[in-house]
């Protein structure tokens, strides 16, 4: 029902900023909670942030709280992740996902292909 494509990844210096976008197509994008996850080589997929279908509720991982902001534009079918004060430990492939509101991957039914974020020290 939903197809997701991430973009906006790249190389940035520590302390810098980057904004990721996730473009959605298909049926009823606005009815899904949208999450961001990340995965570094050899590590398990990690929850980053989630936003409710209305955009009125958000939850962040402690590791990114105060630095990252998730938002959505339902008219454009797009969810964003604004990343500030980036650290080398933020380096990972970032994935967007659509589903129900939660911190675990099992809450999500649809996934994008991922976009690489690399933070240099």
PDB file of N, CA and C in Angstrom:
ATOM      1  N   UNK A   1       0.808  -1.216   0.000  1.00  0.00           N
ATOM      2  CA  UNK A   1       0.000   0.000   0.000  1.00  0.00           C
ATOM      3  C   UNK A   1       0.842   1.266   0.000  1.00  0.00           C
ATOM      4  N   UNK A   2       2.058   1.195   0.569  1.00  0.00           N
ATOM      5  CA  UNK A   2       2.920   2.366   0.678  1.00  0.00           C
ATOM      6  C   UNK A   2       4.319   2.012   0.181  1.00  0.00           C
ATOM      7  N   UNK A   3       4.878   2.865  -0.657  1.00  0.00           N
ATOM      8  CA  UNK A   3       6.256   2.754  -1.103  1.00  0.00           C
ATOM      9  C   UNK A   3       7.031   3.958  -0.568  1.00  0.00           C
ATOM     10  N   UNK A   4       8.233   3.714  -0.059  1.00  0.00           N
ATOM     11  CA  UNK A   4       9.015   4.747   0.600  1.00  0.00           C
ATOM     12  C   UNK A   4      10.402   4.834  -0.020  1.00  0.00           C
ATOM     13  N   UNK A   5      10.883   6.054  -0.258  1.00  0.00           N
ATOM     14  CA  UNK A   5      12.206   6.287  -0.815  1.00  0.00           C
ATOM     15  C   UNK A   5      12.895   7.377  -0.018  1.00  0.00           C
ATOM     16  N   UNK A   6      14.037   7.024   0.612  1.00  0.00           N
ATOM     17  CA  UNK A   6      14.806   7.992   1.386  1.00  0.00           C
ATOM     18  C   UNK A   6      15.787   8.739   0.489  1.00  0.00           C
ATOM     19  N   UNK A   7      16.119   9.961   0.892  1.00  0.00           N
ATOM     20  CA  UNK A   7      17.142  10.737   0.219  1.00  0.00           C
ATOM     21  C   UNK A   7      17.730  11.731   1.206  1.00  0.00           C
ATOM     22  N   UNK A   8      18.822  12.371   0.817  1.00  0.00           N
ATOM     23  CA  UNK A   8      19.421  13.412   1.628  1.00  0.00           C
ATOM     24  C   UNK A   8      20.627  12.983   2.436  1.00  0.00           C
ATOM     25  N   UNK A   9      20.979  11.720   2.386  1.00  0.00           N
ATOM     26  CA  UNK A   9      22.157  11.263   3.092  1.00  0.00           C
ATOM     27  C   UNK A   9      23.427  11.766   2.428  1.00  0.00           C
ATOM     28  N   UNK A  10      24.537  11.615   3.135  1.00  0.00           N
ATOM     29  CA  UNK A  10      25.811  12.053   2.607  1.00  0.00           C
ATOM     30  C   UNK A  10      26.862  12.136   3.681  1.00  0.00           C
ATOM     31  N   UNK A  11      27.938  12.827   3.367  1.00  0.00           N
ATOM     32  CA  UNK A  11      29.067  13.002   4.267  1.00  0.00           C
ATOM     33  C   UNK A  11      29.009  14.377   4.907  1.00  0.00           C
ATOM     34  N   UNK A  12      29.166  14.420   6.223  1.00  0.00           N
ATOM     35  CA  UNK A  12      29.141  15.681   6.953  1.00  0.00           C
ATOM     36  C   UNK A  12      30.156  15.619   8.086  1.00  0.00           C
ATOM     37  N   UNK A  13      30.727  16.759   8.430  1.00  0.00           N
ATOM     38  CA  UNK A  13      31.671  16.820   9.542  1.00  0.00           C
ATOM     39  C   UNK A  13      30.947  16.809  10.878  1.00  0.00           C
ATOM     40  N   UNK A  14      31.611  16.294  11.899  1.00  0.00           N
ATOM     41  CA  UNK A  14      31.055  16.325  13.245  1.00  0.00           C
ATOM     42  C   UNK A  14      30.663  17.748  13.624  1.00  0.00           C
ATOM     43  N   UNK A  15      29.490  17.874  14.237  1.00  0.00           N
ATOM     44  CA  UNK A  15      28.952  19.174  14.586  1.00  0.00           C
ATOM     45  C   UNK A  15      28.072  19.784  13.520  1.00  0.00           C
ATOM     46  N   UNK A  16      28.062  19.199  12.342  1.00  0.00           N
ATOM     47  CA  UNK A  16      27.268  19.707  11.248  1.00  0.00           C
ATOM     48  C   UNK A  16      25.841  19.201  11.264  1.00  0.00           C
ATOM     49  N   UNK A  17      25.106  19.550  10.215  1.00  0.00           N
ATOM     50  CA  UNK A  17      23.689  19.209  10.108  1.00  0.00           C
ATOM     51  C   UNK A  17      23.384  18.565   8.775  1.00  0.00           C
ATOM     52  N   UNK A  18      22.313  17.793   8.764  1.00  0.00           N
ATOM     53  CA  UNK A  18      21.843  17.134   7.565  1.00  0.00           C
ATOM     54  C   UNK A  18      20.350  16.917   7.709  1.00  0.00           C
ATOM     55  N   UNK A  19      19.613  17.012   6.613  1.00  0.00           N
ATOM     56  CA  UNK A  19      18.192  16.718   6.643  1.00  0.00           C
ATOM     57  C   UNK A  19      17.875  15.580   5.687  1.00  0.00           C
ATOM     58  N   UNK A  20      17.289  14.530   6.224  1.00  0.00           N
ATOM     59  CA  UNK A  20      16.853  13.400   5.431  1.00  0.00           C
ATOM     60  C   UNK A  20      15.388  13.566   5.048  1.00  0.00           C
ATOM     61  N   UNK A  21      15.037  13.088   3.869  1.00  0.00           N
ATOM     62  CA  UNK A  21      13.659  13.092   3.411  1.00  0.00           C
ATOM     63  C   UNK A  21      13.234  11.680   3.058  1.00  0.00           C
ATOM     64  N   UNK A  22      11.963  11.399   3.236  1.00  0.00           N
ATOM     65  CA  UNK A  22      11.391  10.116   2.856  1.00  0.00           C
ATOM     66  C   UNK A  22      10.109  10.398   2.093  1.00  0.00           C
ATOM     67  N   UNK A  23      10.116  10.110   0.808  1.00  0.00           N
ATOM     68  CA  UNK A  23       8.960  10.349  -0.045  1.00  0.00           C
ATOM     69  C   UNK A  23       8.096   9.096  -0.096  1.00  0.00           C
ATOM     70  N   UNK A  24       6.808   9.275   0.148  1.00  0.00           N
ATOM     71  CA  UNK A  24       5.865   8.166   0.176  1.00  0.00           C
ATOM     72  C   UNK A  24       4.912   8.243  -1.000  1.00  0.00           C
ATOM     73  N   UNK A  25       4.561   7.093  -1.515  1.00  0.00           N
ATOM     74  CA  UNK A  25       3.533   6.998  -2.531  1.00  0.00           C
ATOM     75  C   UNK A  25       2.639   5.811  -2.210  1.00  0.00           C
ATOM     76  N   UNK A  26       1.420   5.844  -2.729  1.00  0.00           N
ATOM     77  CA  UNK A  26       0.484   4.783  -2.455  1.00  0.00           C
ATOM     78  C   UNK A  26      -0.700   5.264  -1.638  1.00  0.00           C
ATOM     79  N   UNK A  27      -1.394   4.323  -1.054  1.00  0.00           N
ATOM     80  CA  UNK A  27      -2.651   4.612  -0.397  1.00  0.00           C
ATOM     81  C   UNK A  27      -2.477   5.074   1.042  1.00  0.00           C
ATOM     82  N   UNK A  28      -3.157   6.137   1.388  1.00  0.00           N
ATOM     83  CA  UNK A  28      -3.388   6.575   2.767  1.00  0.00           C
ATOM     84  C   UNK A  28      -2.109   6.785   3.576  1.00  0.00           C
ATOM     85  N   UNK A  29      -1.142   7.506   3.001  1.00  0.00           N
ATOM     86  CA  UNK A  29       0.064   7.857   3.733  1.00  0.00           C
ATOM     87  C   UNK A  29      -0.259   8.531   5.060  1.00  0.00           C
ATOM     88  N   UNK A  30      -1.261   9.403   5.047  1.00  0.00           N
ATOM     89  CA  UNK A  30      -1.576  10.192   6.230  1.00  0.00           C
ATOM     90  C   UNK A  30      -2.089   9.354   7.396  1.00  0.00           C
ATOM     91  N   UNK A  31      -2.517   8.129   7.153  1.00  0.00           N
ATOM     92  CA  UNK A  31      -3.070   7.293   8.210  1.00  0.00           C
ATOM     93  C   UNK A  31      -2.006   6.510   8.982  1.00  0.00           C
ATOM     94  N   UNK A  32      -0.755   6.588   8.574  1.00  0.00           N
ATOM     95  CA  UNK A  32       0.323   5.831   9.205  1.00  0.00           C
ATOM     96  C   UNK A  32       1.197   6.701  10.091  1.00  0.00           C
ATOM     97  N   UNK A  33       1.614   6.127  11.218  1.00  0.00           N
ATOM     98  CA  UNK A  33       2.757   6.679  11.924  1.00  0.00           C
ATOM     99  C   UNK A  33       4.002   6.442  11.076  1.00  0.00           C
ATOM    100  N   UNK A  34       4.955   7.358  11.159  1.00  0.00           N
ATOM    101  CA  UNK A  34       6.184   7.253  10.373  1.00  0.00           C
ATOM    102  C   UNK A  34       7.388   7.257  11.296  1.00  0.00           C
ATOM    103  N   UNK A  35       8.256   6.279  11.115  1.00  0.00           N
ATOM    104  CA  UNK A  35       9.427   6.155  11.961  1.00  0.00           C
ATOM    105  C   UNK A  35      10.725   6.241  11.178  1.00  0.00           C
ATOM    106  N   UNK A  36      11.780   6.576  11.892  1.00  0.00           N
ATOM    107  CA  UNK A  36      13.143   6.508  11.366  1.00  0.00           C
ATOM    108  C   UNK A  36      13.957   5.532  12.215  1.00  0.00           C
ATOM    109  N   UNK A  37      14.708   4.671  11.535  1.00  0.00           N
ATOM    110  CA  UNK A  37      15.623   3.731  12.169  1.00  0.00           C
ATOM    111  C   UNK A  37      16.987   3.875  11.521  1.00  0.00           C
ATOM    112  N   UNK A  38      18.010   3.351  12.183  1.00  0.00           N
ATOM    113  CA  UNK A  38      19.339   3.365  11.593  1.00  0.00           C
ATOM    114  C   UNK A  38      20.065   2.071  11.922  1.00  0.00           C
ATOM    115  N   UNK A  39      21.022   1.727  11.064  1.00  0.00           N
ATOM    116  CA  UNK A  39      21.785   0.503  11.251  1.00  0.00           C
ATOM    117  C   UNK A  39      23.225   0.728  10.821  1.00  0.00           C
ATOM    118  N   UNK A  40      24.140   0.544  11.750  1.00  0.00           N
ATOM    119  CA  UNK A  40      25.567   0.611  11.473  1.00  0.00           C
ATOM    120  C   UNK A  40      26.078  -0.791  11.155  1.00  0.00           C
ATOM    121  N   UNK A  41      27.206  -0.905  10.426  1.00  0.00           N
ATOM    122  CA  UNK A  41      27.734  -2.229  10.079  1.00  0.00           C
ATOM    123  C   UNK A  41      27.954  -3.099  11.309  1.00  0.00           C
ATOM    124  N   UNK A  42      27.452  -4.329  11.250  1.00  0.00           N
ATOM    125  CA  UNK A  42      27.626  -5.271  12.338  1.00  0.00           C
ATOM    126  C   UNK A  42      26.745  -5.040  13.541  1.00  0.00           C
ATOM    127  N   UNK A  43      25.842  -4.072  13.477  1.00  0.00           N
ATOM    128  CA  UNK A  43      24.987  -3.760  14.607  1.00  0.00           C
ATOM    129  C   UNK A  43      23.519  -3.954  14.244  1.00  0.00           C
ATOM    130  N   UNK A  44      22.700  -4.081  15.267  1.00  0.00           N
ATOM    131  CA  UNK A  44      21.273  -4.270  15.093  1.00  0.00           C
ATOM    132  C   UNK A  44      20.607  -2.959  14.696  1.00  0.00           C
ATOM    133  N   UNK A  45      19.509  -3.070  13.974  1.00  0.00           N
ATOM    134  CA  UNK A  45      18.732  -1.897  13.609  1.00  0.00           C
ATOM    135  C   UNK A  45      18.237  -1.178  14.863  1.00  0.00           C
ATOM    136  N   UNK A  46      18.400   0.130  14.897  1.00  0.00           N
ATOM    137  CA  UNK A  46      18.151   0.936  16.084  1.00  0.00           C
ATOM    138  C   UNK A  46      17.073   1.974  15.824  1.00  0.00           C
ATOM    139  N   UNK A  47      16.146   2.091  16.749  1.00  0.00           N
ATOM    140  CA  UNK A  47      15.108   3.107  16.684  1.00  0.00           C
ATOM    141  C   UNK A  47      15.709   4.499  16.828  1.00  0.00           C
ATOM    142  N   UNK A  48      15.207   5.441  16.025  1.00  0.00           N
ATOM    143  CA  UNK A  48      15.661   6.826  16.087  1.00  0.00           C
ATOM    144  C   UNK A  48      14.531   7.761  16.515  1.00  0.00           C
ATOM    145  N   UNK A  49      13.412   7.725  15.788  1.00  0.00           N
ATOM    146  CA  UNK A  49      12.310   8.644  16.062  1.00  0.00           C
ATOM    147  C   UNK A  49      11.044   8.152  15.391  1.00  0.00           C
ATOM    148  N   UNK A  50       9.893   8.603  15.897  1.00  0.00           N
ATOM    149  CA  UNK A  50       8.607   8.288  15.290  1.00  0.00           C
ATOM    150  C   UNK A  50       7.693   9.493  15.436  1.00  0.00           C
ATOM    151  N   UNK A  51       6.800   9.657  14.472  1.00  0.00           N
ATOM    152  CA  UNK A  51       5.814  10.726  14.500  1.00  0.00           C
ATOM    153  C   UNK A  51       4.448  10.135  14.190  1.00  0.00           C
ATOM    154  N   UNK A  52       3.422  10.606  14.896  1.00  0.00           N
ATOM    155  CA  UNK A  52       2.078  10.086  14.716  1.00  0.00           C
ATOM    156  C   UNK A  52       1.502  10.503  13.368  1.00  0.00           C
ATOM    157  N   UNK A  53       0.374   9.890  13.023  1.00  0.00           N
ATOM    158  CA  UNK A  53      -0.262  10.177  11.726  1.00  0.00           C
ATOM    159  C   UNK A  53      -0.625  11.645  11.573  1.00  0.00           C
ATOM    160  N   UNK A  54      -0.970  12.298  12.673  1.00  0.00           N
ATOM    161  CA  UNK A  54      -1.363  13.699  12.638  1.00  0.00           C
ATOM    162  C   UNK A  54      -0.172  14.642  12.757  1.00  0.00           C
ATOM    163  N   UNK A  55       0.971  14.118  13.150  1.00  0.00           N
ATOM    164  CA  UNK A  55       2.128  14.948  13.426  1.00  0.00           C
ATOM    165  C   UNK A  55       2.143  15.551  14.812  1.00  0.00           C
ATOM    166  N   UNK A  56       1.141  15.238  15.632  1.00  0.00           N
ATOM    167  CA  UNK A  56       1.008  15.859  16.931  1.00  0.00           C
ATOM    168  C   UNK A  56       1.801  15.214  18.049  1.00  0.00           C
ATOM    169  N   UNK A  57       2.324  14.018  17.828  1.00  0.00           N
ATOM    170  CA  UNK A  57       3.071  13.303  18.856  1.00  0.00           C
ATOM    171  C   UNK A  57       4.364  12.772  18.272  1.00  0.00           C
ATOM    172  N   UNK A  58       5.453  12.925  19.009  1.00  0.00           N
ATOM    173  CA  UNK A  58       6.746  12.398  18.583  1.00  0.00           C
ATOM    174  C   UNK A  58       7.451  11.712  19.743  1.00  0.00           C
ATOM    175  N   UNK A  59       8.304  10.754  19.412  1.00  0.00           N
ATOM    176  CA  UNK A  59       9.144  10.072  20.384  1.00  0.00           C
ATOM    177  C   UNK A  59      10.538   9.936  19.788  1.00  0.00           C
ATOM    178  N   UNK A  60      11.565  10.148  20.613  1.00  0.00           N
ATOM    179  CA  UNK A  60      12.946  10.066  20.167  1.00  0.00           C
ATOM    180  C   UNK A  60      13.749   9.110  21.026  1.00  0.00           C
ATOM    181  N   UNK A  61      14.716   8.463  20.404  1.00  0.00           N
ATOM    182  CA  UNK A  61      15.700   7.715  21.168  1.00  0.00           C
ATOM    183  C   UNK A  61      16.514   8.680  22.025  1.00  0.00           C
ATOM    184  N   UNK A  62      16.922   8.216  23.210  1.00  0.00           N
ATOM    185  CA  UNK A  62      17.701   9.077  24.096  1.00  0.00           C
ATOM    186  C   UNK A  62      18.984   9.574  23.431  1.00  0.00           C
ATOM    187  N   UNK A  63      19.556   8.767  22.567  1.00  0.00           N
ATOM    188  CA  UNK A  63      20.819   9.111  21.939  1.00  0.00           C
ATOM    189  C   UNK A  63      20.719  10.297  20.978  1.00  0.00           C
ATOM    190  N   UNK A  64      19.514  10.608  20.506  1.00  0.00           N
ATOM    191  CA  UNK A  64      19.346  11.700  19.550  1.00  0.00           C
ATOM    192  C   UNK A  64      18.465  12.823  20.081  1.00  0.00           C
ATOM    193  N   UNK A  65      17.870  12.637  21.227  1.00  0.00           N
ATOM    194  CA  UNK A  65      16.949  13.623  21.784  1.00  0.00           C
ATOM    195  C   UNK A  65      17.647  14.972  21.963  1.00  0.00           C
ATOM    196  N   UNK A  66      16.998  16.017  21.480  1.00  0.00           N
ATOM    197  CA  UNK A  66      17.557  17.349  21.548  1.00  0.00           C
ATOM    198  C   UNK A  66      18.402  17.720  20.354  1.00  0.00           C
ATOM    199  N   UNK A  67      18.776  16.748  19.549  1.00  0.00           N
ATOM    200  CA  UNK A  67      19.590  16.994  18.360  1.00  0.00           C
ATOM    201  C   UNK A  67      18.830  16.758  17.060  1.00  0.00           C
ATOM    202  N   UNK A  68      17.944  15.764  17.058  1.00  0.00           N
ATOM    203  CA  UNK A  68      17.194  15.402  15.861  1.00  0.00           C
ATOM    204  C   UNK A  68      15.740  15.831  16.006  1.00  0.00           C
ATOM    205  N   UNK A  69      15.109  16.161  14.879  1.00  0.00           N
ATOM    206  CA  UNK A  69      13.701  16.511  14.848  1.00  0.00           C
ATOM    207  C   UNK A  69      13.022  15.797  13.690  1.00  0.00           C
ATOM    208  N   UNK A  70      11.949  15.072  13.996  1.00  0.00           N
ATOM    209  CA  UNK A  70      11.158  14.422  12.962  1.00  0.00           C
ATOM    210  C   UNK A  70       9.933  15.282  12.664  1.00  0.00           C
ATOM    211  N   UNK A  71       9.566  15.372  11.397  1.00  0.00           N
ATOM    212  CA  UNK A  71       8.390  16.123  10.993  1.00  0.00           C
ATOM    213  C   UNK A  71       7.790  15.472   9.758  1.00  0.00           C
ATOM    214  N   UNK A  72       6.580  15.879   9.409  1.00  0.00           N
ATOM    215  CA  UNK A  72       5.946  15.327   8.217  1.00  0.00           C
ATOM    216  C   UNK A  72       5.094  16.376   7.540  1.00  0.00           C
ATOM    217  N   UNK A  73       4.954  16.219   6.235  1.00  0.00           N
ATOM    218  CA  UNK A  73       4.100  17.054   5.413  1.00  0.00           C
ATOM    219  C   UNK A  73       3.190  16.101   4.652  1.00  0.00           C
ATOM    220  N   UNK A  74       1.994  15.907   5.163  1.00  0.00           N
ATOM    221  CA  UNK A  74       1.093  14.927   4.569  1.00  0.00           C
ATOM    222  C   UNK A  74       0.625  15.332   3.173  1.00  0.00           C
ATOM    223  N   UNK A  75       0.525  16.630   2.919  1.00  0.00           N
ATOM    224  CA  UNK A  75       0.133  17.089   1.591  1.00  0.00           C
ATOM    225  C   UNK A  75       1.160  16.702   0.539  1.00  0.00           C
ATOM    226  N   UNK A  76       2.439  16.687   0.928  1.00  0.00           N
ATOM    227  CA  UNK A  76       3.517  16.298   0.023  1.00  0.00           C
ATOM    228  C   UNK A  76       3.863  14.821   0.119  1.00  0.00           C
ATOM    229  N   UNK A  77       3.278  14.126   1.081  1.00  0.00           N
ATOM    230  CA  UNK A  77       3.598  12.725   1.276  1.00  0.00           C
ATOM    231  C   UNK A  77       5.043  12.493   1.671  1.00  0.00           C
ATOM    232  N   UNK A  78       5.564  13.346   2.541  1.00  0.00           N
ATOM    233  CA  UNK A  78       6.978  13.301   2.885  1.00  0.00           C
ATOM    234  C   UNK A  78       7.177  13.407   4.395  1.00  0.00           C
ATOM    235  N   UNK A  79       8.113  12.628   4.913  1.00  0.00           N
ATOM    236  CA  UNK A  79       8.542  12.736   6.297  1.00  0.00           C
ATOM    237  C   UNK A  79      10.018  13.132   6.299  1.00  0.00           C
ATOM    238  N   UNK A  80      10.418  13.928   7.294  1.00  0.00           N
ATOM    239  CA  UNK A  80      11.769  14.463   7.358  1.00  0.00           C
ATOM    240  C   UNK A  80      12.435  14.085   8.671  1.00  0.00           C
ATOM    241  N   UNK A  81      13.750  14.048   8.642  1.00  0.00           N
ATOM    242  CA  UNK A  81      14.540  13.936   9.857  1.00  0.00           C
ATOM    243  C   UNK A  81      15.632  14.992   9.794  1.00  0.00           C
ATOM    244  N   UNK A  82      15.473  16.041  10.585  1.00  0.00           N
ATOM    245  CA  UNK A  82      16.487  17.081  10.690  1.00  0.00           C
ATOM    246  C   UNK A  82      17.495  16.661  11.744  1.00  0.00           C
ATOM    247  N   UNK A  83      18.753  16.558  11.365  1.00  0.00           N
ATOM    248  CA  UNK A  83      19.808  16.083  12.246  1.00  0.00           C
ATOM    249  C   UNK A  83      20.816  17.203  12.456  1.00  0.00           C
ATOM    250  N   UNK A  84      20.942  17.649  13.687  1.00  0.00           N
ATOM    251  CA  UNK A  84      21.881  18.701  14.056  1.00  0.00           C
ATOM    252  C   UNK A  84      22.924  18.159  15.024  1.00  0.00           C
ATOM    253  N   UNK A  85      24.003  18.898  15.176  1.00  0.00           N
ATOM    254  CA  UNK A  85      25.083  18.520  16.097  1.00  0.00           C
ATOM    255  C   UNK A  85      25.494  17.067  15.902  1.00  0.00           C
ATOM    256  N   UNK A  86      25.719  16.700  14.672  1.00  0.00           N
ATOM    257  CA  UNK A  86      26.002  15.303  14.345  1.00  0.00           C
ATOM    258  C   UNK A  86      27.318  14.830  14.944  1.00  0.00           C
ATOM    259  N   UNK A  87      27.320  13.558  15.336  1.00  0.00           N
ATOM    260  CA  UNK A  87      28.470  12.911  15.944  1.00  0.00           C
ATOM    261  C   UNK A  87      28.893  11.721  15.096  1.00  0.00           C
ATOM    262  N   UNK A  88      30.164  11.312  15.170  1.00  0.00           N
ATOM    263  CA  UNK A  88      30.590  10.137  14.408  1.00  0.00           C
ATOM    264  C   UNK A  88      29.747   8.896  14.699  1.00  0.00           C
ATOM    265  N   UNK A  89      29.252   8.738  15.910  1.00  0.00           N
ATOM    266  CA  UNK A  89      28.430   7.588  16.247  1.00  0.00           C
ATOM    267  C   UNK A  89      27.053   7.613  15.597  1.00  0.00           C
ATOM    268  N   UNK A  90      26.692   8.711  14.938  1.00  0.00           N
ATOM    269  CA  UNK A  90      25.465   8.766  14.155  1.00  0.00           C
ATOM    270  C   UNK A  90      25.627   8.119  12.787  1.00  0.00           C
ATOM    271  N   UNK A  91      26.828   7.765  12.414  1.00  0.00           N
ATOM    272  CA  UNK A  91      27.084   7.147  11.114  1.00  0.00           C
ATOM    273  C   UNK A  91      26.330   5.826  10.998  1.00  0.00           C
ATOM    274  N   UNK A  92      25.521   5.701   9.948  1.00  0.00           N
ATOM    275  CA  UNK A  92      24.698   4.512   9.749  1.00  0.00           C
ATOM    276  C   UNK A  92      23.918   4.665   8.454  1.00  0.00           C
ATOM    277  N   UNK A  93      23.277   3.582   8.046  1.00  0.00           N
ATOM    278  CA  UNK A  93      22.248   3.660   7.024  1.00  0.00           C
ATOM    279  C   UNK A  93      20.938   3.981   7.731  1.00  0.00           C
ATOM    280  N   UNK A  94      20.249   4.997   7.260  1.00  0.00           N
ATOM    281  CA  UNK A  94      18.995   5.434   7.862  1.00  0.00           C
ATOM    282  C   UNK A  94      17.824   4.981   7.013  1.00  0.00           C
ATOM    283  N   UNK A  95      16.830   4.398   7.670  1.00  0.00           N
ATOM    284  CA  UNK A  95      15.643   3.874   7.009  1.00  0.00           C
ATOM    285  C   UNK A  95      14.391   4.568   7.529  1.00  0.00           C
ATOM    286  N   UNK A  96      13.471   4.888   6.641  1.00  0.00           N
ATOM    287  CA  UNK A  96      12.159   5.321   7.079  1.00  0.00           C
ATOM    288  C   UNK A  96      11.182   4.157   6.975  1.00  0.00           C
ATOM    289  N   UNK A  97      10.131   4.220   7.776  1.00  0.00           N
ATOM    290  CA  UNK A  97       9.166   3.136   7.838  1.00  0.00           C
ATOM    291  C   UNK A  97       7.783   3.678   8.146  1.00  0.00           C
ATOM    292  N   UNK A  98       6.766   2.993   7.645  1.00  0.00           N
ATOM    293  CA  UNK A  98       5.371   3.352   7.883  1.00  0.00           C
ATOM    294  C   UNK A  98       4.672   2.222   8.620  1.00  0.00           C
ATOM    295  N   UNK A  99       3.879   2.579   9.622  1.00  0.00           N
ATOM    296  CA  UNK A  99       3.154   1.565  10.367  1.00  0.00           C
ATOM    297  C   UNK A  99       2.412   2.152  11.532  1.00  0.00           C
ATOM    298  N   UNK A 100       2.468   1.453  12.667  1.00  0.00           N
ATOM    299  CA  UNK A 100       1.819   1.912  13.880  1.00  0.00           C
ATOM    300  C   UNK A 100       2.851   2.493  14.831  1.00  0.00           C
ATOM    301  N   UNK A 101       2.412   3.362  15.705  1.00  0.00           N
ATOM    302  CA  UNK A 101       3.308   4.128  16.558  1.00  0.00           C
ATOM    303  C   UNK A 101       4.037   3.223  17.539  1.00  0.00           C
ATOM    304  N   UNK A 102       5.362   3.202  17.466  1.00  0.00           N
ATOM    305  CA  UNK A 102       6.127   2.374  18.383  1.00  0.00           C
ATOM    306  C   UNK A 102       7.617   2.493  18.158  1.00  0.00           C
ATOM    307  N   UNK A 103       8.388   1.866  19.057  1.00  0.00           N
ATOM    308  CA  UNK A 103       9.844   1.911  19.021  1.00  0.00           C
ATOM    309  C   UNK A 103      10.477   0.680  18.372  1.00  0.00           C
ATOM    310  N   UNK A 104       9.690  -0.350  18.127  1.00  0.00           N
ATOM    311  CA  UNK A 104      10.235  -1.598  17.614  1.00  0.00           C
ATOM    312  C   UNK A 104       9.952  -1.757  16.125  1.00  0.00           C
ATOM    313  N   UNK A 105      10.893  -2.366  15.375  1.00  0.00           N
ATOM    314  CA  UNK A 105      10.661  -2.575  13.937  1.00  0.00           C
ATOM    315  C   UNK A 105       9.368  -3.323  13.615  1.00  0.00           C
ATOM    316  N   UNK A 106       8.931  -4.211  14.514  1.00  0.00           N
ATOM    317  CA  UNK A 106       7.727  -4.993  14.269  1.00  0.00           C
ATOM    318  C   UNK A 106       6.473  -4.144  14.167  1.00  0.00           C
ATOM    319  N   UNK A 107       6.519  -2.920  14.633  1.00  0.00           N
ATOM    320  CA  UNK A 107       5.375  -2.025  14.505  1.00  0.00           C
ATOM    321  C   UNK A 107       5.168  -1.515  13.086  1.00  0.00           C
ATOM    322  N   UNK A 108       6.144  -1.724  12.218  1.00  0.00           N
ATOM    323  CA  UNK A 108       6.132  -1.091  10.898  1.00  0.00           C
ATOM    324  C   UNK A 108       5.965  -2.106   9.776  1.00  0.00           C
ATOM    325  N   UNK A 109       5.107  -1.753   8.833  1.00  0.00           N
ATOM    326  CA  UNK A 109       4.753  -2.643   7.735  1.00  0.00           C
ATOM    327  C   UNK A 109       5.518  -2.355   6.447  1.00  0.00           C
ATOM    328  N   UNK A 110       5.969  -1.136   6.261  1.00  0.00           N
ATOM    329  CA  UNK A 110       6.598  -0.712   5.013  1.00  0.00           C
ATOM    330  C   UNK A 110       7.911  -0.017   5.306  1.00  0.00           C
ATOM    331  N   UNK A 111       8.919  -0.297   4.466  1.00  0.00           N
ATOM    332  CA  UNK A 111      10.265   0.221   4.679  1.00  0.00           C
ATOM    333  C   UNK A 111      10.859   0.764   3.399  1.00  0.00           C
ATOM    334  N   UNK A 112      11.659   1.821   3.525  1.00  0.00           N
ATOM    335  CA  UNK A 112      12.432   2.320   2.408  1.00  0.00           C
ATOM    336  C   UNK A 112      13.724   1.553   2.237  1.00  0.00           C
ATOM    337  N   UNK A 113      14.507   1.933   1.236  1.00  0.00           N
ATOM    338  CA  UNK A 113      15.741   1.215   0.905  1.00  0.00           C
ATOM    339  C   UNK A 113      16.942   1.683   1.712  1.00  0.00           C
ATOM    340  N   UNK A 114      16.817   2.805   2.376  1.00  0.00           N
ATOM    341  CA  UNK A 114      17.885   3.335   3.202  1.00  0.00           C
ATOM    342  C   UNK A 114      18.734   4.377   2.500  1.00  0.00           C
ATOM    343  N   UNK A 115      19.311   5.273   3.290  1.00  0.00           N
ATOM    344  CA  UNK A 115      20.248   6.265   2.782  1.00  0.00           C
ATOM    345  C   UNK A 115      21.419   6.376   3.755  1.00  0.00           C
ATOM    346  N   UNK A 116      22.632   6.428   3.220  1.00  0.00           N
ATOM    347  CA  UNK A 116      23.838   6.415   4.046  1.00  0.00           C
ATOM    348  C   UNK A 116      24.128   7.798   4.607  1.00  0.00           C
ATOM    349  N   UNK A 117      24.386   7.853   5.910  1.00  0.00           N
ATOM    350  CA  UNK A 117      24.853   9.060   6.578  1.00  0.00           C
ATOM    351  C   UNK A 117      26.219   8.750   7.188  1.00  0.00           C
ATOM    352  N   UNK A 118      27.213   9.547   6.828  1.00  0.00           N
ATOM    353  CA  UNK A 118      28.555   9.371   7.355  1.00  0.00           C
ATOM    354  C   UNK A 118      29.002  10.673   8.005  1.00  0.00           C
ATOM    355  N   UNK A 119      29.398  10.597   9.268  1.00  0.00           N
ATOM    356  CA  UNK A 119      29.845  11.764  10.023  1.00  0.00           C
ATOM    357  C   UNK A 119      31.319  11.591  10.325  1.00  0.00           C
ATOM    358  N   UNK A 120      32.136  12.491   9.823  1.00  0.00           N
ATOM    359  CA  UNK A 120      33.573  12.414  10.018  1.00  0.00           C
ATOM    360  C   UNK A 120      33.979  13.173  11.273  1.00  0.00           C
ATOM    361  N   UNK A 121      35.042  12.712  11.917  1.00  0.00           N
ATOM    362  CA  UNK A 121      35.532  13.338  13.132  1.00  0.00           C
ATOM    363  C   UNK A 121      36.534  14.439  12.830  1.00  0.00           C
TER     364      UNK A 121
END
